Every structure is written in C-alpha cells, then in structure tokens.
Amino acid sequence: MWKYVVIVAVTILAFLITSYPTDSASMDDDTPQYLVESEFKIKTPPLPKPRPIKPLIFSSPMKYTQSQFICLAKNIYFEARGEEIAGQYAVGLVTLNRVRSKRFPNTICDVVYQARYWNNHPVRNRCHFSWYCDGKSDRPREKKHWNLAQEIAETLLLFNIEDITKGATHYHAKEVLPHWAKQLKIKTIIGNHIFYE
C-alpha cells in the first residue's frame, strides 16, 4: 500500500513541477515583490491634470489728492461701516477697480459721486452708491467707524493689497436684488455683499 501512496505523490509532484511556468519570476530570489510581473493586469486610473495656478490680483498704489482720499473713505464708511474689516476693504477695492476700468470715470470722487443729475443735484435713488442720494446727511457721525474707514482708505491708496473681490466692479447687499445682477457673473461673497465682475 505504501508503494501506491509514494507513486501517487511522485506523480503529483512531477505534474506540479512540469506545469509551473518557467518564465515567471521566482518568489525566492531577491526581486522585490512590486517588480514581479503579475498575471492580473491592474489598470491604474490616469492622474488628473494639474490645474494652472491663477495669479493673485493686486490693487496697486495710486496717486491721490486729499479730496480723493476723503471720497474713498466716505464710500467705505457709508457703504460698509457695519461690515467686518474684509467687507470694508472689499468696498474700497471695488471703488478703485472702477477707477481703473474704462467703463467708469477715472478719479475716485467721480466714481463715488456717479449719478443721474437734475439741476446739478443727484436724483434720489439714482446713484451708483446709494448713500450719496438717499436724502440723508453725507457727514460721517460715528467717529470710531470714520477713523477706521480713513485707515482702510489710506492703506488701499498707499500699498499693494490683494484684491479679495477678484477684480469686481459691482456689488450689492444680500437682502436686495438689483436689475443688473442677473446680467453679471458673481465673483465672490464677502460679509453682507455679493460681488460681480
């Protein structure tokens, strides 16, 4: 009986040795596992193409007069004094973006006071910046907010500041929807304002 067991064992061993592929890399040699060719081909998904880095937009320093400085500070004060600092900077940046744009006047005061006029007076609610023709006083009354608006205006006029509005020339408060909003592309939302190109 042992004879038959040995014959069967030798036959099985011989079959295994002859049927084992000779071109496969041996697992006992020094070849690292990841270099051994596998009979299972795994398709690796292609790597995503890198997206180009968008350059940051900067607001560069600008030559200005004292009256231009006051116009910018007033616009920041009346349009955004209740906002966080970023929201106030954003309003100032939009004002300067308009000055640099060919679609708007080329001085800060002309941009701020752009409106429809009748008998040399702005028509109520027909101004680009609503505070200028809302019928209320244009004198800043809150000293703390006025001082901050002047600091922000001075910073914007003297230094290279990253344009967090991404070049926006329009904005409005979240609680209103002007007729022009549907025609423009939203750039960003900062605080209580939505900014458009």
N, C-alpha and C. Protein backbone atom coordinates (compact mmCIF):
# COMPACT_ATOMS: atom_id res chain seq x y z
N MET A 1 0.82 -1.19 0.00
CA MET A 1 0.00 0.00 0.00
C MET A 1 0.87 1.26 0.00
N TRP A 2 1.95 1.26 0.75
CA TRP A 2 2.82 2.42 0.78
C TRP A 2 3.39 2.69 -0.60
N LYS A 3 3.54 1.62 -1.37
CA LYS A 3 4.08 1.76 -2.72
C LYS A 3 3.18 2.66 -3.56
N TYR A 4 1.86 2.42 -3.47
CA TYR A 4 0.91 3.21 -4.25
C TYR A 4 0.88 4.68 -3.80
N VAL A 5 1.00 4.91 -2.51
CA VAL A 5 0.99 6.27 -1.97
C VAL A 5 2.21 7.04 -2.48
N VAL A 6 3.37 6.37 -2.49
CA VAL A 6 4.60 7.02 -2.96
C VAL A 6 4.48 7.30 -4.45
N ILE A 7 3.94 6.36 -5.23
CA ILE A 7 3.81 6.55 -6.68
C ILE A 7 2.87 7.73 -6.97
N VAL A 8 1.76 7.82 -6.25
CA VAL A 8 0.81 8.91 -6.46
C VAL A 8 1.45 10.24 -6.08
N ALA A 9 2.19 10.28 -4.97
CA ALA A 9 2.84 11.51 -4.52
C ALA A 9 3.87 11.97 -5.53
N VAL A 10 4.67 11.03 -6.07
CA VAL A 10 5.69 11.39 -7.06
C VAL A 10 5.03 11.88 -8.34
N THR A 11 3.93 11.24 -8.74
CA THR A 11 3.22 11.65 -9.95
C THR A 11 2.68 13.08 -9.80
N ILE A 12 2.08 13.37 -8.65
CA ILE A 12 1.54 14.72 -8.41
C ILE A 12 2.66 15.75 -8.41
N LEU A 13 3.76 15.42 -7.75
CA LEU A 13 4.90 16.32 -7.69
C LEU A 13 5.47 16.58 -9.08
N ALA A 14 5.57 15.53 -9.89
CA ALA A 14 6.07 15.68 -11.25
C ALA A 14 5.14 16.56 -12.08
N PHE A 15 3.85 16.37 -11.90
CA PHE A 15 2.89 17.19 -12.63
C PHE A 15 3.02 18.67 -12.24
N LEU A 16 3.15 18.90 -10.95
CA LEU A 16 3.28 20.29 -10.50
C LEU A 16 4.54 20.95 -11.02
N ILE A 17 5.63 20.22 -11.02
CA ILE A 17 6.90 20.79 -11.48
C ILE A 17 6.85 21.10 -12.97
N THR A 18 6.30 20.21 -13.77
CA THR A 18 6.25 20.43 -15.22
C THR A 18 5.22 21.47 -15.63
N SER A 19 4.16 21.64 -14.86
CA SER A 19 3.12 22.61 -15.24
C SER A 19 3.40 24.02 -14.72
N TYR A 20 4.36 24.19 -13.83
CA TYR A 20 4.68 25.51 -13.29
C TYR A 20 5.38 26.33 -14.36
N PRO A 21 4.91 27.55 -14.68
CA PRO A 21 5.54 28.34 -15.75
C PRO A 21 6.98 28.70 -15.39
N THR A 22 7.87 28.45 -16.35
CA THR A 22 9.29 28.69 -16.10
C THR A 22 9.69 30.14 -16.28
N ASP A 23 8.87 30.94 -17.03
CA ASP A 23 9.26 32.34 -17.26
C ASP A 23 8.82 33.26 -16.14
N SER A 24 8.06 32.78 -15.17
CA SER A 24 7.66 33.62 -14.05
C SER A 24 8.84 33.83 -13.12
N ALA A 25 8.89 34.99 -12.55
CA ALA A 25 9.98 35.28 -11.62
C ALA A 25 9.76 34.50 -10.33
N SER A 26 10.81 33.96 -9.81
CA SER A 26 10.72 33.18 -8.59
C SER A 26 10.49 34.10 -7.40
N MET A 27 9.70 33.61 -6.46
CA MET A 27 9.43 34.40 -5.27
C MET A 27 10.57 34.29 -4.28
N ASP A 28 11.49 33.32 -4.54
CA ASP A 28 12.56 33.10 -3.58
C ASP A 28 13.79 33.94 -3.89
N ASP A 29 13.83 34.54 -5.10
CA ASP A 29 15.02 35.33 -5.40
C ASP A 29 14.93 36.70 -4.74
N ASP A 30 15.86 37.58 -5.06
CA ASP A 30 15.92 38.88 -4.42
C ASP A 30 15.08 39.94 -5.13
N THR A 31 14.27 39.57 -6.12
CA THR A 31 13.45 40.53 -6.84
C THR A 31 12.35 41.06 -5.94
N PRO A 32 12.25 42.39 -5.78
CA PRO A 32 11.18 42.93 -4.93
C PRO A 32 9.81 42.55 -5.47
N GLN A 33 8.86 42.39 -4.57
CA GLN A 33 7.52 41.94 -4.93
C GLN A 33 6.86 42.83 -5.98
N TYR A 34 7.07 44.15 -5.89
CA TYR A 34 6.38 45.04 -6.82
C TYR A 34 6.94 44.96 -8.24
N LEU A 35 8.14 44.31 -8.40
CA LEU A 35 8.69 44.15 -9.74
C LEU A 35 8.31 42.83 -10.39
N VAL A 36 7.77 41.89 -9.61
CA VAL A 36 7.36 40.60 -10.15
C VAL A 36 6.12 40.81 -10.99
N GLU A 37 6.16 40.32 -12.26
CA GLU A 37 5.01 40.50 -13.14
C GLU A 37 3.86 39.66 -12.66
N SER A 38 2.72 40.26 -12.61
CA SER A 38 1.53 39.55 -12.16
C SER A 38 0.71 39.15 -13.37
N GLU A 39 0.01 38.03 -13.22
CA GLU A 39 -0.89 37.62 -14.30
C GLU A 39 -2.14 38.47 -14.32
N PHE A 40 -2.38 39.20 -13.25
CA PHE A 40 -3.53 40.10 -13.18
C PHE A 40 -3.06 41.50 -13.51
N LYS A 41 -3.51 42.03 -14.62
CA LYS A 41 -3.12 43.38 -15.03
C LYS A 41 -4.11 44.37 -14.41
N ILE A 42 -3.61 45.23 -13.55
CA ILE A 42 -4.47 46.21 -12.90
C ILE A 42 -4.33 47.52 -13.65
N LYS A 43 -5.46 48.02 -14.10
CA LYS A 43 -5.43 49.31 -14.80
C LYS A 43 -5.48 50.41 -13.76
N THR A 44 -4.47 51.25 -13.78
CA THR A 44 -4.47 52.38 -12.87
C THR A 44 -5.13 53.56 -13.57
N PRO A 45 -5.98 54.28 -12.86
CA PRO A 45 -6.63 55.43 -13.49
C PRO A 45 -5.60 56.51 -13.78
N PRO A 46 -5.80 57.26 -14.86
CA PRO A 46 -4.84 58.33 -15.16
C PRO A 46 -4.87 59.41 -14.09
N LEU A 47 -3.73 60.00 -13.84
CA LEU A 47 -3.66 61.07 -12.86
C LEU A 47 -4.38 62.30 -13.40
N PRO A 48 -5.05 63.05 -12.52
CA PRO A 48 -5.71 64.27 -13.01
C PRO A 48 -4.68 65.29 -13.46
N LYS A 49 -5.04 66.02 -14.49
CA LYS A 49 -4.12 67.05 -14.99
C LYS A 49 -4.08 68.20 -14.00
N PRO A 50 -2.89 68.69 -13.71
CA PRO A 50 -2.82 69.82 -12.77
C PRO A 50 -3.47 71.05 -13.35
N ARG A 51 -4.22 71.75 -12.51
CA ARG A 51 -4.86 72.99 -12.95
C ARG A 51 -3.85 74.13 -12.84
N PRO A 52 -3.86 75.04 -13.79
CA PRO A 52 -2.92 76.16 -13.68
C PRO A 52 -3.26 77.02 -12.47
N ILE A 53 -2.25 77.52 -11.82
CA ILE A 53 -2.45 78.38 -10.67
C ILE A 53 -2.84 79.76 -11.16
N LYS A 54 -3.97 80.25 -10.65
CA LYS A 54 -4.41 81.58 -11.04
C LYS A 54 -3.60 82.61 -10.27
N PRO A 55 -3.04 83.57 -10.97
CA PRO A 55 -2.27 84.58 -10.24
C PRO A 55 -3.20 85.44 -9.38
N LEU A 56 -2.67 85.86 -8.25
CA LEU A 56 -3.44 86.73 -7.37
C LEU A 56 -3.58 88.10 -8.02
N ILE A 57 -4.71 88.73 -7.81
CA ILE A 57 -4.93 90.07 -8.33
C ILE A 57 -4.58 91.04 -7.21
N PHE A 58 -3.77 92.03 -7.55
CA PHE A 58 -3.39 93.01 -6.53
C PHE A 58 -3.90 94.38 -6.93
N SER A 59 -4.27 95.13 -5.92
CA SER A 59 -4.62 96.53 -6.12
C SER A 59 -3.36 97.33 -5.84
N SER A 60 -2.87 98.02 -6.84
CA SER A 60 -1.60 98.73 -6.69
C SER A 60 -1.81 100.14 -6.13
N PRO A 61 -0.74 100.70 -5.56
CA PRO A 61 -0.86 102.06 -5.02
C PRO A 61 -1.32 103.05 -6.10
N MET A 62 -1.91 104.14 -5.66
CA MET A 62 -2.49 105.10 -6.59
C MET A 62 -2.15 106.52 -6.14
N LYS A 63 -1.87 107.38 -7.10
CA LYS A 63 -1.67 108.79 -6.75
C LYS A 63 -3.03 109.39 -6.41
N TYR A 64 -3.05 110.19 -5.38
CA TYR A 64 -4.34 110.75 -4.96
C TYR A 64 -4.15 112.10 -4.28
N THR A 65 -5.24 112.83 -4.23
CA THR A 65 -5.27 114.10 -3.50
C THR A 65 -6.04 113.88 -2.20
N GLN A 66 -6.04 114.88 -1.36
CA GLN A 66 -6.79 114.78 -0.10
C GLN A 66 -8.28 114.59 -0.36
N SER A 67 -8.80 115.28 -1.35
CA SER A 67 -10.24 115.14 -1.64
C SER A 67 -10.56 113.73 -2.15
N GLN A 68 -9.65 113.13 -2.94
CA GLN A 68 -9.87 111.76 -3.42
C GLN A 68 -9.86 110.78 -2.24
N PHE A 69 -8.94 111.02 -1.32
CA PHE A 69 -8.85 110.19 -0.12
C PHE A 69 -10.15 110.26 0.68
N ILE A 70 -10.69 111.46 0.86
CA ILE A 70 -11.94 111.64 1.62
C ILE A 70 -13.10 110.95 0.90
N CYS A 71 -13.13 111.05 -0.42
CA CYS A 71 -14.21 110.39 -1.19
C CYS A 71 -14.17 108.88 -0.98
N LEU A 72 -12.98 108.29 -1.02
CA LEU A 72 -12.85 106.84 -0.82
C LEU A 72 -13.25 106.47 0.60
N ALA A 73 -12.76 107.23 1.58
CA ALA A 73 -13.10 106.94 2.98
C ALA A 73 -14.60 107.05 3.22
N LYS A 74 -15.24 108.06 2.63
CA LYS A 74 -16.70 108.21 2.79
C LYS A 74 -17.44 107.04 2.18
N ASN A 75 -16.99 106.59 1.02
CA ASN A 75 -17.67 105.46 0.38
C ASN A 75 -17.56 104.20 1.24
N ILE A 76 -16.37 103.98 1.81
CA ILE A 76 -16.19 102.82 2.69
C ILE A 76 -17.08 102.97 3.93
N TYR A 77 -17.08 104.17 4.50
CA TYR A 77 -17.85 104.43 5.72
C TYR A 77 -19.35 104.21 5.49
N PHE A 78 -19.91 104.86 4.47
CA PHE A 78 -21.36 104.81 4.28
C PHE A 78 -21.84 103.47 3.69
N GLU A 79 -21.01 102.84 2.90
CA GLU A 79 -21.44 101.59 2.27
C GLU A 79 -21.19 100.37 3.16
N ALA A 80 -20.21 100.43 4.06
CA ALA A 80 -19.83 99.19 4.74
C ALA A 80 -19.41 99.35 6.20
N ARG A 81 -19.77 100.43 6.86
CA ARG A 81 -19.25 100.62 8.21
C ARG A 81 -19.72 99.54 9.19
N GLY A 82 -20.81 98.88 8.90
CA GLY A 82 -21.29 97.80 9.78
C GLY A 82 -20.67 96.45 9.46
N GLU A 83 -19.85 96.40 8.43
CA GLU A 83 -19.25 95.14 7.98
C GLU A 83 -17.97 94.83 8.75
N GLU A 84 -17.52 93.58 8.62
CA GLU A 84 -16.19 93.22 9.12
C GLU A 84 -15.16 93.98 8.30
N ILE A 85 -13.91 93.95 8.75
CA ILE A 85 -12.84 94.68 8.05
C ILE A 85 -12.74 94.25 6.58
N ALA A 86 -12.83 92.93 6.32
CA ALA A 86 -12.72 92.43 4.94
C ALA A 86 -13.80 93.04 4.06
N GLY A 87 -15.01 93.16 4.59
CA GLY A 87 -16.11 93.75 3.82
C GLY A 87 -15.86 95.21 3.51
N GLN A 88 -15.24 95.93 4.44
CA GLN A 88 -14.93 97.34 4.20
C GLN A 88 -13.81 97.48 3.16
N TYR A 89 -12.80 96.63 3.27
CA TYR A 89 -11.74 96.63 2.25
C TYR A 89 -12.34 96.34 0.88
N ALA A 90 -13.26 95.38 0.84
CA ALA A 90 -13.86 94.98 -0.44
C ALA A 90 -14.58 96.15 -1.12
N VAL A 91 -15.31 96.94 -0.35
CA VAL A 91 -15.99 98.11 -0.91
C VAL A 91 -14.97 99.10 -1.45
N GLY A 92 -13.91 99.33 -0.70
CA GLY A 92 -12.85 100.22 -1.18
C GLY A 92 -12.19 99.70 -2.45
N LEU A 93 -11.98 98.39 -2.52
CA LEU A 93 -11.36 97.79 -3.71
C LEU A 93 -12.25 97.94 -4.93
N VAL A 94 -13.56 97.75 -4.76
CA VAL A 94 -14.49 97.93 -5.88
C VAL A 94 -14.41 99.37 -6.39
N THR A 95 -14.35 100.31 -5.47
CA THR A 95 -14.25 101.72 -5.87
C THR A 95 -13.01 101.95 -6.72
N LEU A 96 -11.88 101.41 -6.28
CA LEU A 96 -10.63 101.58 -7.04
C LEU A 96 -10.64 100.78 -8.35
N ASN A 97 -11.28 99.62 -8.35
CA ASN A 97 -11.40 98.84 -9.59
C ASN A 97 -12.19 99.63 -10.63
N ARG A 98 -13.18 100.37 -10.19
CA ARG A 98 -13.94 101.21 -11.13
C ARG A 98 -13.08 102.33 -11.68
N VAL A 99 -12.26 102.92 -10.83
CA VAL A 99 -11.37 104.00 -11.30
C VAL A 99 -10.44 103.47 -12.39
N ARG A 100 -9.97 102.24 -12.24
CA ARG A 100 -9.03 101.65 -13.22
C ARG A 100 -9.74 101.13 -14.47
N SER A 101 -11.05 100.94 -14.39
CA SER A 101 -11.82 100.42 -15.53
C SER A 101 -12.14 101.54 -16.52
N LYS A 102 -12.17 101.17 -17.80
CA LYS A 102 -12.51 102.15 -18.83
C LYS A 102 -14.01 102.43 -18.87
N ARG A 103 -14.80 101.64 -18.18
CA ARG A 103 -16.26 101.80 -18.19
C ARG A 103 -16.76 102.83 -17.18
N PHE A 104 -15.85 103.33 -16.34
CA PHE A 104 -16.24 104.26 -15.28
C PHE A 104 -15.34 105.48 -15.30
N PRO A 105 -15.70 106.53 -14.59
CA PRO A 105 -14.83 107.71 -14.51
C PRO A 105 -13.44 107.34 -13.97
N ASN A 106 -12.46 108.19 -14.23
CA ASN A 106 -11.09 107.84 -13.87
C ASN A 106 -10.56 108.51 -12.61
N THR A 107 -11.43 109.08 -11.80
CA THR A 107 -11.00 109.60 -10.49
C THR A 107 -11.91 109.02 -9.42
N ILE A 108 -11.40 108.95 -8.21
CA ILE A 108 -12.17 108.34 -7.12
C ILE A 108 -13.47 109.10 -6.86
N CYS A 109 -13.39 110.42 -6.76
CA CYS A 109 -14.60 111.21 -6.47
C CYS A 109 -15.63 111.10 -7.59
N ASP A 110 -15.18 111.09 -8.83
CA ASP A 110 -16.13 110.95 -9.95
C ASP A 110 -16.82 109.59 -9.92
N VAL A 111 -16.09 108.55 -9.49
CA VAL A 111 -16.70 107.23 -9.36
C VAL A 111 -17.71 107.22 -8.22
N VAL A 112 -17.31 107.75 -7.08
CA VAL A 112 -18.17 107.74 -5.90
C VAL A 112 -19.44 108.55 -6.12
N TYR A 113 -19.31 109.69 -6.79
CA TYR A 113 -20.47 110.58 -6.99
C TYR A 113 -21.14 110.39 -8.35
N GLN A 114 -20.89 109.27 -8.99
CA GLN A 114 -21.52 109.00 -10.29
C GLN A 114 -23.03 108.79 -10.07
N ALA A 115 -23.83 109.57 -10.80
CA ALA A 115 -25.28 109.53 -10.60
C ALA A 115 -25.98 110.22 -11.75
N ARG A 116 -27.30 110.15 -11.73
CA ARG A 116 -28.10 110.97 -12.64
C ARG A 116 -28.35 112.28 -11.92
N TYR A 117 -28.13 113.37 -12.64
CA TYR A 117 -28.29 114.70 -12.02
C TYR A 117 -29.43 115.47 -12.68
N TRP A 118 -30.06 116.29 -11.90
CA TRP A 118 -31.07 117.22 -12.40
C TRP A 118 -30.84 118.54 -11.68
N ASN A 119 -30.63 119.62 -12.44
CA ASN A 119 -30.29 120.93 -11.88
C ASN A 119 -29.10 120.86 -10.91
N ASN A 120 -28.07 120.12 -11.34
CA ASN A 120 -26.84 119.95 -10.57
C ASN A 120 -27.02 119.25 -9.22
N HIS A 121 -28.11 118.53 -9.06
CA HIS A 121 -28.33 117.75 -7.84
C HIS A 121 -28.59 116.30 -8.25
N PRO A 122 -28.05 115.37 -7.47
CA PRO A 122 -28.30 113.97 -7.82
C PRO A 122 -29.77 113.60 -7.63
N VAL A 123 -30.30 112.84 -8.57
CA VAL A 123 -31.68 112.38 -8.48
C VAL A 123 -31.74 111.29 -7.42
N ARG A 124 -32.72 111.40 -6.53
CA ARG A 124 -32.82 110.45 -5.42
C ARG A 124 -32.91 109.01 -5.92
N ASN A 125 -32.11 108.14 -5.29
CA ASN A 125 -32.03 106.70 -5.61
C ASN A 125 -31.58 106.42 -7.04
N ARG A 126 -30.83 107.35 -7.63
CA ARG A 126 -30.29 107.15 -8.98
C ARG A 126 -28.76 107.28 -8.98
N CYS A 127 -28.16 106.89 -7.88
CA CYS A 127 -26.69 106.97 -7.76
C CYS A 127 -26.10 105.57 -7.82
N HIS A 128 -24.85 105.48 -8.21
CA HIS A 128 -24.18 104.19 -8.22
C HIS A 128 -23.98 103.68 -6.80
N PHE A 129 -23.69 104.58 -5.88
CA PHE A 129 -23.58 104.22 -4.46
C PHE A 129 -24.73 104.92 -3.73
N SER A 130 -25.60 104.12 -3.17
CA SER A 130 -26.90 104.62 -2.69
C SER A 130 -26.81 105.71 -1.63
N TRP A 131 -25.78 105.71 -0.81
CA TRP A 131 -25.71 106.69 0.28
C TRP A 131 -25.65 108.13 -0.23
N TYR A 132 -25.12 108.30 -1.45
CA TYR A 132 -24.92 109.65 -1.96
C TYR A 132 -26.24 110.36 -2.29
N CYS A 133 -27.27 109.60 -2.62
CA CYS A 133 -28.54 110.27 -2.96
C CYS A 133 -29.72 109.63 -2.25
N ASP A 134 -29.50 109.29 -0.98
CA ASP A 134 -30.60 108.71 -0.21
C ASP A 134 -31.36 109.75 0.60
N GLY A 135 -30.98 111.04 0.45
CA GLY A 135 -31.67 112.11 1.16
C GLY A 135 -31.17 112.36 2.57
N LYS A 136 -30.18 111.58 3.03
CA LYS A 136 -29.63 111.75 4.38
C LYS A 136 -28.34 112.55 4.31
N SER A 137 -27.87 112.97 5.47
CA SER A 137 -26.63 113.74 5.57
C SER A 137 -25.44 112.89 5.11
N ASP A 138 -24.49 113.52 4.42
CA ASP A 138 -23.28 112.83 3.96
C ASP A 138 -22.09 113.10 4.87
N ARG A 139 -22.38 113.55 6.09
CA ARG A 139 -21.30 113.78 7.06
C ARG A 139 -21.18 112.57 7.97
N PRO A 140 -19.99 111.97 8.05
CA PRO A 140 -19.80 110.83 8.98
C PRO A 140 -20.00 111.28 10.42
N ARG A 141 -20.79 110.53 11.19
CA ARG A 141 -21.10 110.94 12.56
C ARG A 141 -20.50 109.99 13.61
N GLU A 142 -20.17 108.79 13.21
CA GLU A 142 -19.61 107.82 14.16
C GLU A 142 -18.09 107.85 14.05
N LYS A 143 -17.44 108.47 15.01
CA LYS A 143 -16.00 108.74 14.93
C LYS A 143 -15.17 107.46 14.79
N LYS A 144 -15.51 106.44 15.56
CA LYS A 144 -14.75 105.19 15.52
C LYS A 144 -14.78 104.57 14.12
N HIS A 145 -15.97 104.50 13.53
CA HIS A 145 -16.10 103.93 12.18
C HIS A 145 -15.46 104.83 11.13
N TRP A 146 -15.55 106.12 11.33
CA TRP A 146 -14.96 107.06 10.38
C TRP A 146 -13.43 106.95 10.39
N ASN A 147 -12.85 106.84 11.58
CA ASN A 147 -11.40 106.67 11.68
C ASN A 147 -10.94 105.38 11.00
N LEU A 148 -11.69 104.31 11.20
CA LEU A 148 -11.35 103.03 10.57
C LEU A 148 -11.47 103.14 9.05
N ALA A 149 -12.52 103.77 8.56
CA ALA A 149 -12.69 103.94 7.11
C ALA A 149 -11.52 104.73 6.52
N GLN A 150 -11.05 105.73 7.23
CA GLN A 150 -9.90 106.51 6.74
C GLN A 150 -8.62 105.67 6.73
N GLU A 151 -8.44 104.83 7.75
CA GLU A 151 -7.26 103.95 7.78
C GLU A 151 -7.28 102.97 6.62
N ILE A 152 -8.44 102.41 6.35
CA ILE A 152 -8.58 101.46 5.24
C ILE A 152 -8.33 102.16 3.92
N ALA A 153 -8.90 103.34 3.74
CA ALA A 153 -8.70 104.10 2.50
C ALA A 153 -7.22 104.41 2.30
N GLU A 154 -6.55 104.82 3.36
CA GLU A 154 -5.12 105.15 3.25
C GLU A 154 -4.31 103.91 2.88
N THR A 155 -4.62 102.79 3.50
CA THR A 155 -3.91 101.54 3.19
C THR A 155 -4.10 101.16 1.73
N LEU A 156 -5.33 101.26 1.24
CA LEU A 156 -5.61 100.91 -0.15
C LEU A 156 -4.88 101.83 -1.13
N LEU A 157 -4.73 103.08 -0.76
CA LEU A 157 -4.10 104.04 -1.67
C LEU A 157 -2.56 103.98 -1.63
N LEU A 158 -2.01 103.50 -0.53
CA LEU A 158 -0.55 103.53 -0.38
C LEU A 158 0.15 102.20 -0.66
N PHE A 159 -0.56 101.08 -0.54
CA PHE A 159 0.12 99.78 -0.59
C PHE A 159 -0.49 98.85 -1.63
N ASN A 160 0.32 97.84 -2.02
CA ASN A 160 -0.18 96.74 -2.85
C ASN A 160 -1.02 95.84 -1.96
N ILE A 161 -2.28 95.74 -2.24
CA ILE A 161 -3.21 94.94 -1.45
C ILE A 161 -3.80 93.87 -2.36
N GLU A 162 -3.86 92.62 -1.86
CA GLU A 162 -4.51 91.57 -2.65
C GLU A 162 -5.98 91.93 -2.83
N ASP A 163 -6.44 91.83 -4.07
CA ASP A 163 -7.83 92.17 -4.36
C ASP A 163 -8.73 90.98 -4.03
N ILE A 164 -9.30 91.00 -2.84
CA ILE A 164 -10.15 89.88 -2.40
C ILE A 164 -11.47 89.83 -3.16
N THR A 165 -11.78 90.88 -3.92
CA THR A 165 -13.01 90.87 -4.73
C THR A 165 -12.77 90.26 -6.11
N LYS A 166 -11.52 89.92 -6.41
CA LYS A 166 -11.14 89.31 -7.69
C LYS A 166 -11.46 90.22 -8.87
N GLY A 167 -11.25 91.52 -8.67
CA GLY A 167 -11.45 92.48 -9.75
C GLY A 167 -12.87 92.97 -9.91
N ALA A 168 -13.71 92.75 -8.93
CA ALA A 168 -15.14 93.12 -9.04
C ALA A 168 -15.31 94.63 -9.21
N THR A 169 -16.33 95.00 -9.99
CA THR A 169 -16.68 96.42 -10.16
C THR A 169 -18.10 96.72 -9.69
N HIS A 170 -18.83 95.68 -9.28
CA HIS A 170 -20.21 95.85 -8.81
C HIS A 170 -20.42 95.01 -7.56
N TYR A 171 -21.34 95.44 -6.73
CA TYR A 171 -21.76 94.64 -5.59
C TYR A 171 -23.13 95.12 -5.12
N HIS A 172 -23.76 94.30 -4.34
CA HIS A 172 -25.00 94.72 -3.67
C HIS A 172 -25.15 93.92 -2.40
N ALA A 173 -25.96 94.44 -1.49
CA ALA A 173 -26.23 93.74 -0.24
C ALA A 173 -27.07 92.49 -0.53
N LYS A 174 -26.94 91.49 0.32
CA LYS A 174 -27.64 90.22 0.10
C LYS A 174 -29.16 90.38 0.11
N GLU A 175 -29.66 91.36 0.86
CA GLU A 175 -31.11 91.47 1.00
C GLU A 175 -31.80 92.18 -0.16
N VAL A 176 -31.03 92.65 -1.14
CA VAL A 176 -31.64 93.29 -2.32
C VAL A 176 -31.19 92.55 -3.58
N LEU A 177 -31.93 92.74 -4.66
CA LEU A 177 -31.55 92.15 -5.95
C LEU A 177 -31.75 93.18 -7.05
N PRO A 178 -30.70 93.94 -7.38
CA PRO A 178 -30.83 94.96 -8.44
C PRO A 178 -31.10 94.31 -9.81
N HIS A 179 -31.65 95.09 -10.71
CA HIS A 179 -32.00 94.58 -12.04
C HIS A 179 -30.77 94.11 -12.81
N TRP A 180 -29.59 94.70 -12.55
CA TRP A 180 -28.38 94.35 -13.30
C TRP A 180 -27.71 93.07 -12.83
N ALA A 181 -28.11 92.55 -11.66
CA ALA A 181 -27.41 91.41 -11.06
C ALA A 181 -27.45 90.16 -11.93
N LYS A 182 -28.56 89.94 -12.65
CA LYS A 182 -28.69 88.74 -13.47
C LYS A 182 -27.80 88.79 -14.71
N GLN A 183 -27.34 89.97 -15.06
CA GLN A 183 -26.53 90.11 -16.28
C GLN A 183 -25.04 89.95 -16.01
N LEU A 184 -24.64 89.94 -14.75
CA LEU A 184 -23.22 89.88 -14.40
C LEU A 184 -22.88 88.57 -13.70
N LYS A 185 -21.61 88.23 -13.75
CA LYS A 185 -21.13 86.99 -13.14
C LYS A 185 -20.66 87.26 -11.71
N ILE A 186 -21.10 86.42 -10.78
CA ILE A 186 -20.68 86.57 -9.38
C ILE A 186 -19.22 86.19 -9.25
N LYS A 187 -18.46 87.06 -8.59
CA LYS A 187 -17.04 86.80 -8.33
C LYS A 187 -16.83 86.20 -6.96
N THR A 188 -17.47 86.77 -5.96
CA THR A 188 -17.29 86.29 -4.59
C THR A 188 -18.36 86.89 -3.68
N ILE A 189 -18.46 86.36 -2.49
CA ILE A 189 -19.35 86.91 -1.46
C ILE A 189 -18.49 87.20 -0.24
N ILE A 190 -18.55 88.43 0.22
CA ILE A 190 -17.77 88.84 1.39
C ILE A 190 -18.73 89.55 2.34
N GLY A 191 -18.85 89.02 3.53
CA GLY A 191 -19.75 89.63 4.51
C GLY A 191 -21.18 89.67 4.01
N ASN A 192 -21.77 90.85 4.01
CA ASN A 192 -23.17 91.01 3.60
C ASN A 192 -23.33 91.39 2.15
N HIS A 193 -22.23 91.38 1.37
CA HIS A 193 -22.29 91.83 -0.02
C HIS A 193 -21.91 90.72 -1.00
N ILE A 194 -22.55 90.74 -2.15
CA ILE A 194 -22.22 89.85 -3.27
C ILE A 194 -21.51 90.70 -4.32
N PHE A 195 -20.36 90.22 -4.78
CA PHE A 195 -19.52 91.00 -5.70
C PHE A 195 -19.55 90.38 -7.10
N TYR A 196 -19.59 91.28 -8.11
CA TYR A 196 -19.72 90.88 -9.51
C TYR A 196 -18.61 91.51 -10.34
N GLU A 197 -18.31 90.83 -11.47
CA GLU A 197 -17.30 91.40 -12.36
C GLU A 197 -17.92 92.49 -13.20
